Amino acid sequence: MSNKGLKKSPGIDTLLEVGRILHEGLVENGIDNTIAHNAAMKAVEHFRSHHGGTEFYVPKGQSLIIEKRDWEIWEKFNGHNIDELAKEYNLCSRQIRTIIAKCREQYDAERNLDLFA
């Protein structure tokens, strides 16, 4: 990401860093470099226009990682593979059962809402 013509300030540096990270992620996912640059800069501008001047905490995302893992376990669960899943995810079988129960409850709740939509 180029910063030609921009006066150096912490705020601009932060926005440019966010743009650089977005650009990098887009390119890594097969988006053309020029398109990725333009999309990243538009995303940064959109974010700035909605949140400019505010400070906020960016979490590490551990809960998102765990949530993704739990749904992967749910997808792989076949009714008879709790011990295998426990080994694969380095968890105990009780944790796998808890995860399956939580995902089943959420899955059923979402399906029931669709029935009444």
N, C-alpha and C. Protein backbone atom coordinates (compact mmCIF):
# COMPACT_ATOMS: atom_id res chain seq x y z
N MET A 1 0.85 -1.17 0.00
CA MET A 1 0.00 0.00 0.00
C MET A 1 0.90 1.23 0.00
N SER A 2 0.67 2.10 -0.91
CA SER A 2 1.47 3.30 -1.00
C SER A 2 0.87 4.40 -0.14
N ASN A 3 1.75 5.22 0.44
CA ASN A 3 1.27 6.34 1.23
C ASN A 3 1.81 7.65 0.68
N LYS A 4 1.96 7.73 -0.66
CA LYS A 4 2.45 8.93 -1.31
C LYS A 4 1.53 10.11 -1.00
N GLY A 5 2.16 11.22 -0.63
CA GLY A 5 1.42 12.45 -0.43
C GLY A 5 0.68 12.54 0.88
N LEU A 6 0.76 11.51 1.73
CA LEU A 6 0.05 11.55 3.00
C LEU A 6 1.01 11.98 4.11
N LYS A 7 0.56 12.94 4.89
CA LYS A 7 1.33 13.40 6.03
C LYS A 7 1.36 12.30 7.08
N LYS A 8 2.53 12.04 7.66
CA LYS A 8 2.66 10.98 8.66
C LYS A 8 1.96 11.38 9.95
N SER A 9 1.09 10.53 10.42
CA SER A 9 0.46 10.69 11.73
C SER A 9 0.05 9.30 12.19
N PRO A 10 -0.10 9.11 13.51
CA PRO A 10 -0.49 7.79 14.01
C PRO A 10 -1.80 7.29 13.40
N GLY A 11 -2.77 8.17 13.21
CA GLY A 11 -4.05 7.76 12.64
C GLY A 11 -3.92 7.28 11.22
N ILE A 12 -3.16 8.02 10.42
CA ILE A 12 -2.96 7.62 9.03
C ILE A 12 -2.17 6.32 8.97
N ASP A 13 -1.15 6.20 9.83
CA ASP A 13 -0.38 4.96 9.87
C ASP A 13 -1.27 3.76 10.18
N THR A 14 -2.20 3.94 11.11
CA THR A 14 -3.11 2.84 11.47
C THR A 14 -4.00 2.48 10.30
N LEU A 15 -4.58 3.47 9.64
CA LEU A 15 -5.44 3.20 8.49
C LEU A 15 -4.66 2.53 7.36
N LEU A 16 -3.45 3.01 7.12
CA LEU A 16 -2.63 2.39 6.08
C LEU A 16 -2.28 0.95 6.42
N GLU A 17 -2.03 0.68 7.70
CA GLU A 17 -1.72 -0.69 8.13
C GLU A 17 -2.94 -1.60 7.93
N VAL A 18 -4.11 -1.11 8.27
CA VAL A 18 -5.33 -1.89 8.04
C VAL A 18 -5.50 -2.15 6.55
N GLY A 19 -5.29 -1.12 5.74
CA GLY A 19 -5.37 -1.29 4.29
C GLY A 19 -4.37 -2.29 3.77
N ARG A 20 -3.14 -2.24 4.30
CA ARG A 20 -2.11 -3.18 3.88
C ARG A 20 -2.51 -4.61 4.20
N ILE A 21 -3.05 -4.81 5.40
CA ILE A 21 -3.46 -6.15 5.82
C ILE A 21 -4.61 -6.67 4.96
N LEU A 22 -5.58 -5.79 4.70
CA LEU A 22 -6.70 -6.20 3.83
C LEU A 22 -6.20 -6.53 2.43
N HIS A 23 -5.35 -5.68 1.88
CA HIS A 23 -4.78 -5.90 0.55
C HIS A 23 -4.06 -7.24 0.49
N GLU A 24 -3.22 -7.49 1.49
CA GLU A 24 -2.46 -8.74 1.55
C GLU A 24 -3.40 -9.95 1.57
N GLY A 25 -4.44 -9.88 2.39
CA GLY A 25 -5.40 -10.99 2.48
C GLY A 25 -6.13 -11.23 1.17
N LEU A 26 -6.49 -10.16 0.50
CA LEU A 26 -7.18 -10.30 -0.79
C LEU A 26 -6.27 -10.93 -1.83
N VAL A 27 -5.03 -10.46 -1.91
CA VAL A 27 -4.07 -11.02 -2.87
C VAL A 27 -3.80 -12.49 -2.57
N GLU A 28 -3.66 -12.82 -1.28
CA GLU A 28 -3.43 -14.22 -0.91
C GLU A 28 -4.59 -15.12 -1.31
N ASN A 29 -5.77 -14.53 -1.47
CA ASN A 29 -6.94 -15.31 -1.87
C ASN A 29 -7.23 -15.20 -3.36
N GLY A 30 -6.23 -14.78 -4.13
CA GLY A 30 -6.33 -14.83 -5.59
C GLY A 30 -6.90 -13.59 -6.25
N ILE A 31 -7.09 -12.51 -5.52
CA ILE A 31 -7.61 -11.28 -6.12
C ILE A 31 -6.45 -10.53 -6.78
N ASP A 32 -6.69 -10.02 -7.97
CA ASP A 32 -5.70 -9.23 -8.70
C ASP A 32 -5.18 -8.10 -7.81
N ASN A 33 -3.89 -7.82 -7.91
CA ASN A 33 -3.24 -6.83 -7.05
C ASN A 33 -3.91 -5.46 -7.11
N THR A 34 -4.21 -4.97 -8.31
CA THR A 34 -4.83 -3.64 -8.45
C THR A 34 -6.24 -3.63 -7.87
N ILE A 35 -7.00 -4.67 -8.15
CA ILE A 35 -8.36 -4.77 -7.61
C ILE A 35 -8.30 -4.89 -6.09
N ALA A 36 -7.35 -5.68 -5.59
CA ALA A 36 -7.18 -5.84 -4.14
C ALA A 36 -6.84 -4.51 -3.48
N HIS A 37 -5.94 -3.75 -4.10
CA HIS A 37 -5.56 -2.44 -3.56
C HIS A 37 -6.78 -1.52 -3.49
N ASN A 38 -7.51 -1.43 -4.59
CA ASN A 38 -8.68 -0.55 -4.63
C ASN A 38 -9.74 -0.99 -3.62
N ALA A 39 -9.98 -2.28 -3.53
CA ALA A 39 -10.98 -2.79 -2.58
C ALA A 39 -10.54 -2.53 -1.15
N ALA A 40 -9.27 -2.74 -0.86
CA ALA A 40 -8.76 -2.50 0.50
C ALA A 40 -8.90 -1.04 0.88
N MET A 41 -8.55 -0.14 -0.04
CA MET A 41 -8.64 1.29 0.27
C MET A 41 -10.11 1.72 0.43
N LYS A 42 -11.01 1.16 -0.38
CA LYS A 42 -12.43 1.47 -0.22
C LYS A 42 -12.95 0.96 1.11
N ALA A 43 -12.50 -0.24 1.51
CA ALA A 43 -12.92 -0.80 2.80
C ALA A 43 -12.41 0.06 3.95
N VAL A 44 -11.16 0.51 3.86
CA VAL A 44 -10.60 1.38 4.90
C VAL A 44 -11.39 2.68 4.96
N GLU A 45 -11.71 3.26 3.82
CA GLU A 45 -12.47 4.51 3.80
C GLU A 45 -13.88 4.31 4.38
N HIS A 46 -14.49 3.20 4.04
CA HIS A 46 -15.82 2.88 4.57
C HIS A 46 -15.76 2.73 6.09
N PHE A 47 -14.77 2.01 6.56
CA PHE A 47 -14.59 1.82 7.99
C PHE A 47 -14.34 3.16 8.68
N ARG A 48 -13.45 3.97 8.10
CA ARG A 48 -13.13 5.27 8.67
C ARG A 48 -14.35 6.17 8.75
N SER A 49 -15.18 6.14 7.71
CA SER A 49 -16.36 7.01 7.69
C SER A 49 -17.38 6.61 8.75
N HIS A 50 -17.41 5.34 9.11
CA HIS A 50 -18.35 4.87 10.13
C HIS A 50 -17.79 4.93 11.55
N HIS A 51 -16.47 4.76 11.69
CA HIS A 51 -15.88 4.63 13.02
C HIS A 51 -14.77 5.64 13.29
N GLY A 52 -14.53 6.56 12.37
CA GLY A 52 -13.46 7.54 12.55
C GLY A 52 -13.63 8.32 13.85
N GLY A 53 -12.55 8.50 14.56
CA GLY A 53 -12.56 9.25 15.81
C GLY A 53 -12.87 8.44 17.04
N THR A 54 -13.24 7.20 16.85
CA THR A 54 -13.53 6.35 18.02
C THR A 54 -12.35 5.42 18.27
N GLU A 55 -12.22 5.04 19.50
CA GLU A 55 -11.21 4.06 19.86
C GLU A 55 -11.93 2.79 20.27
N PHE A 56 -11.39 1.66 19.89
CA PHE A 56 -12.00 0.40 20.29
C PHE A 56 -10.93 -0.68 20.36
N TYR A 57 -11.28 -1.71 21.07
CA TYR A 57 -10.40 -2.85 21.29
C TYR A 57 -10.63 -3.87 20.19
N VAL A 58 -9.56 -4.39 19.63
CA VAL A 58 -9.66 -5.46 18.64
C VAL A 58 -9.25 -6.76 19.34
N PRO A 59 -10.21 -7.64 19.58
CA PRO A 59 -9.88 -8.89 20.29
C PRO A 59 -9.01 -9.79 19.43
N LYS A 60 -8.33 -10.71 20.09
CA LYS A 60 -7.50 -11.68 19.37
C LYS A 60 -8.35 -12.67 18.60
N GLY A 61 -9.61 -12.80 18.98
CA GLY A 61 -10.51 -13.67 18.25
C GLY A 61 -10.51 -15.12 18.70
N GLN A 62 -10.04 -15.37 19.91
CA GLN A 62 -9.99 -16.75 20.40
C GLN A 62 -11.38 -17.38 20.40
N SER A 63 -12.39 -16.62 20.79
CA SER A 63 -13.74 -17.19 20.83
C SER A 63 -14.23 -17.54 19.42
N LEU A 64 -13.83 -16.75 18.43
CA LEU A 64 -14.19 -17.05 17.04
C LEU A 64 -13.51 -18.33 16.57
N ILE A 65 -12.25 -18.50 16.96
CA ILE A 65 -11.51 -19.72 16.60
C ILE A 65 -12.16 -20.94 17.23
N ILE A 66 -12.55 -20.82 18.49
CA ILE A 66 -13.20 -21.94 19.19
C ILE A 66 -14.56 -22.24 18.58
N GLU A 67 -15.31 -21.19 18.25
CA GLU A 67 -16.63 -21.38 17.62
C GLU A 67 -16.48 -22.11 16.29
N LYS A 68 -15.49 -21.72 15.49
CA LYS A 68 -15.24 -22.39 14.20
C LYS A 68 -14.87 -23.86 14.43
N ARG A 69 -13.99 -24.11 15.41
CA ARG A 69 -13.60 -25.48 15.74
C ARG A 69 -14.82 -26.31 16.14
N ASP A 70 -15.67 -25.73 16.99
CA ASP A 70 -16.84 -26.46 17.46
C ASP A 70 -17.75 -26.86 16.30
N TRP A 71 -17.95 -25.94 15.35
CA TRP A 71 -18.81 -26.29 14.21
C TRP A 71 -18.14 -27.29 13.28
N GLU A 72 -16.81 -27.29 13.21
CA GLU A 72 -16.10 -28.34 12.46
C GLU A 72 -16.34 -29.70 13.10
N ILE A 73 -16.28 -29.73 14.42
CA ILE A 73 -16.55 -30.97 15.15
C ILE A 73 -17.98 -31.44 14.86
N TRP A 74 -18.93 -30.52 14.92
CA TRP A 74 -20.34 -30.84 14.63
C TRP A 74 -20.48 -31.44 13.23
N GLU A 75 -19.80 -30.84 12.25
CA GLU A 75 -19.88 -31.33 10.87
C GLU A 75 -19.29 -32.74 10.73
N LYS A 76 -18.25 -33.03 11.49
CA LYS A 76 -17.58 -34.33 11.40
C LYS A 76 -18.25 -35.41 12.24
N PHE A 77 -19.08 -34.99 13.17
CA PHE A 77 -19.73 -35.94 14.07
C PHE A 77 -20.71 -36.82 13.31
N ASN A 78 -20.58 -38.15 13.49
CA ASN A 78 -21.47 -39.08 12.79
C ASN A 78 -22.30 -39.94 13.74
N GLY A 79 -22.22 -39.62 15.03
CA GLY A 79 -22.97 -40.37 16.03
C GLY A 79 -22.18 -41.46 16.71
N HIS A 80 -21.04 -41.80 16.12
CA HIS A 80 -20.24 -42.91 16.67
C HIS A 80 -18.76 -42.59 16.78
N ASN A 81 -18.37 -41.35 16.61
CA ASN A 81 -16.94 -41.04 16.53
C ASN A 81 -16.47 -40.02 17.58
N ILE A 82 -17.07 -40.06 18.75
CA ILE A 82 -16.68 -39.11 19.80
C ILE A 82 -15.22 -39.28 20.19
N ASP A 83 -14.77 -40.51 20.40
CA ASP A 83 -13.39 -40.73 20.80
C ASP A 83 -12.39 -40.28 19.72
N GLU A 84 -12.74 -40.53 18.46
CA GLU A 84 -11.86 -40.12 17.36
C GLU A 84 -11.77 -38.59 17.29
N LEU A 85 -12.90 -37.92 17.46
CA LEU A 85 -12.90 -36.46 17.45
C LEU A 85 -12.12 -35.90 18.63
N ALA A 86 -12.24 -36.55 19.77
CA ALA A 86 -11.49 -36.11 20.95
C ALA A 86 -9.99 -36.18 20.68
N LYS A 87 -9.55 -37.24 20.07
CA LYS A 87 -8.13 -37.38 19.73
C LYS A 87 -7.70 -36.35 18.69
N GLU A 88 -8.52 -36.20 17.67
CA GLU A 88 -8.18 -35.27 16.58
C GLU A 88 -8.05 -33.83 17.08
N TYR A 89 -8.93 -33.43 18.00
CA TYR A 89 -8.95 -32.04 18.47
C TYR A 89 -8.28 -31.87 19.83
N ASN A 90 -7.64 -32.92 20.31
CA ASN A 90 -6.94 -32.89 21.59
C ASN A 90 -7.86 -32.42 22.73
N LEU A 91 -9.05 -33.00 22.76
CA LEU A 91 -10.04 -32.71 23.79
C LEU A 91 -10.45 -34.04 24.43
N CYS A 92 -11.12 -33.97 25.56
CA CYS A 92 -11.64 -35.21 26.15
C CYS A 92 -13.03 -35.47 25.57
N SER A 93 -13.49 -36.70 25.70
CA SER A 93 -14.78 -37.08 25.12
C SER A 93 -15.93 -36.28 25.75
N ARG A 94 -15.81 -35.92 27.02
CA ARG A 94 -16.84 -35.10 27.66
C ARG A 94 -16.95 -33.73 26.98
N GLN A 95 -15.80 -33.14 26.63
CA GLN A 95 -15.82 -31.85 25.94
C GLN A 95 -16.48 -31.99 24.56
N ILE A 96 -16.20 -33.08 23.87
CA ILE A 96 -16.81 -33.31 22.56
C ILE A 96 -18.33 -33.43 22.72
N ARG A 97 -18.78 -34.18 23.71
CA ARG A 97 -20.23 -34.32 23.95
C ARG A 97 -20.87 -32.96 24.24
N THR A 98 -20.19 -32.12 25.03
CA THR A 98 -20.70 -30.78 25.35
C THR A 98 -20.80 -29.93 24.08
N ILE A 99 -19.77 -29.99 23.26
CA ILE A 99 -19.76 -29.24 22.00
C ILE A 99 -20.89 -29.71 21.09
N ILE A 100 -21.06 -31.01 20.95
CA ILE A 100 -22.11 -31.58 20.11
C ILE A 100 -23.48 -31.13 20.62
N ALA A 101 -23.68 -31.18 21.93
CA ALA A 101 -24.96 -30.78 22.51
C ALA A 101 -25.24 -29.30 22.24
N LYS A 102 -24.21 -28.45 22.41
CA LYS A 102 -24.38 -27.01 22.16
C LYS A 102 -24.71 -26.74 20.70
N CYS A 103 -23.98 -27.36 19.79
CA CYS A 103 -24.21 -27.17 18.36
C CYS A 103 -25.58 -27.71 17.95
N ARG A 104 -25.95 -28.87 18.49
CA ARG A 104 -27.26 -29.44 18.17
C ARG A 104 -28.37 -28.49 18.60
N GLU A 105 -28.24 -27.93 19.79
CA GLU A 105 -29.24 -27.01 20.31
C GLU A 105 -29.36 -25.77 19.40
N GLN A 106 -28.23 -25.21 19.00
CA GLN A 106 -28.25 -24.04 18.11
C GLN A 106 -28.81 -24.40 16.74
N TYR A 107 -28.39 -25.55 16.22
CA TYR A 107 -28.85 -26.01 14.92
C TYR A 107 -30.37 -26.21 14.93
N ASP A 108 -30.87 -26.89 15.96
CA ASP A 108 -32.31 -27.14 16.07
C ASP A 108 -33.08 -25.84 16.24
N ALA A 109 -32.56 -24.90 17.02
CA ALA A 109 -33.22 -23.62 17.22
C ALA A 109 -33.32 -22.85 15.90
N GLU A 110 -32.27 -22.87 15.11
CA GLU A 110 -32.29 -22.19 13.81
C GLU A 110 -33.26 -22.86 12.85
N ARG A 111 -33.30 -24.19 12.86
CA ARG A 111 -34.24 -24.91 11.99
C ARG A 111 -35.67 -24.62 12.38
N ASN A 112 -35.96 -24.58 13.69
CA ASN A 112 -37.31 -24.29 14.16
C ASN A 112 -37.75 -22.89 13.79
N LEU A 113 -36.81 -21.92 13.81
CA LEU A 113 -37.16 -20.57 13.41
C LEU A 113 -37.53 -20.56 11.93
N ASP A 114 -36.82 -21.33 11.11
CA ASP A 114 -37.12 -21.39 9.67
C ASP A 114 -38.51 -21.96 9.43
N LEU A 115 -38.98 -22.84 10.25
CA LEU A 115 -40.30 -23.44 10.07
C LEU A 115 -41.41 -22.39 10.20
N PHE A 116 -41.17 -21.38 11.01
CA PHE A 116 -42.20 -20.37 11.25
C PHE A 116 -41.99 -19.10 10.47
N ALA A 117 -41.02 -19.09 9.56
CA ALA A 117 -40.71 -17.89 8.79
C ALA A 117 -41.72 -17.70 7.66
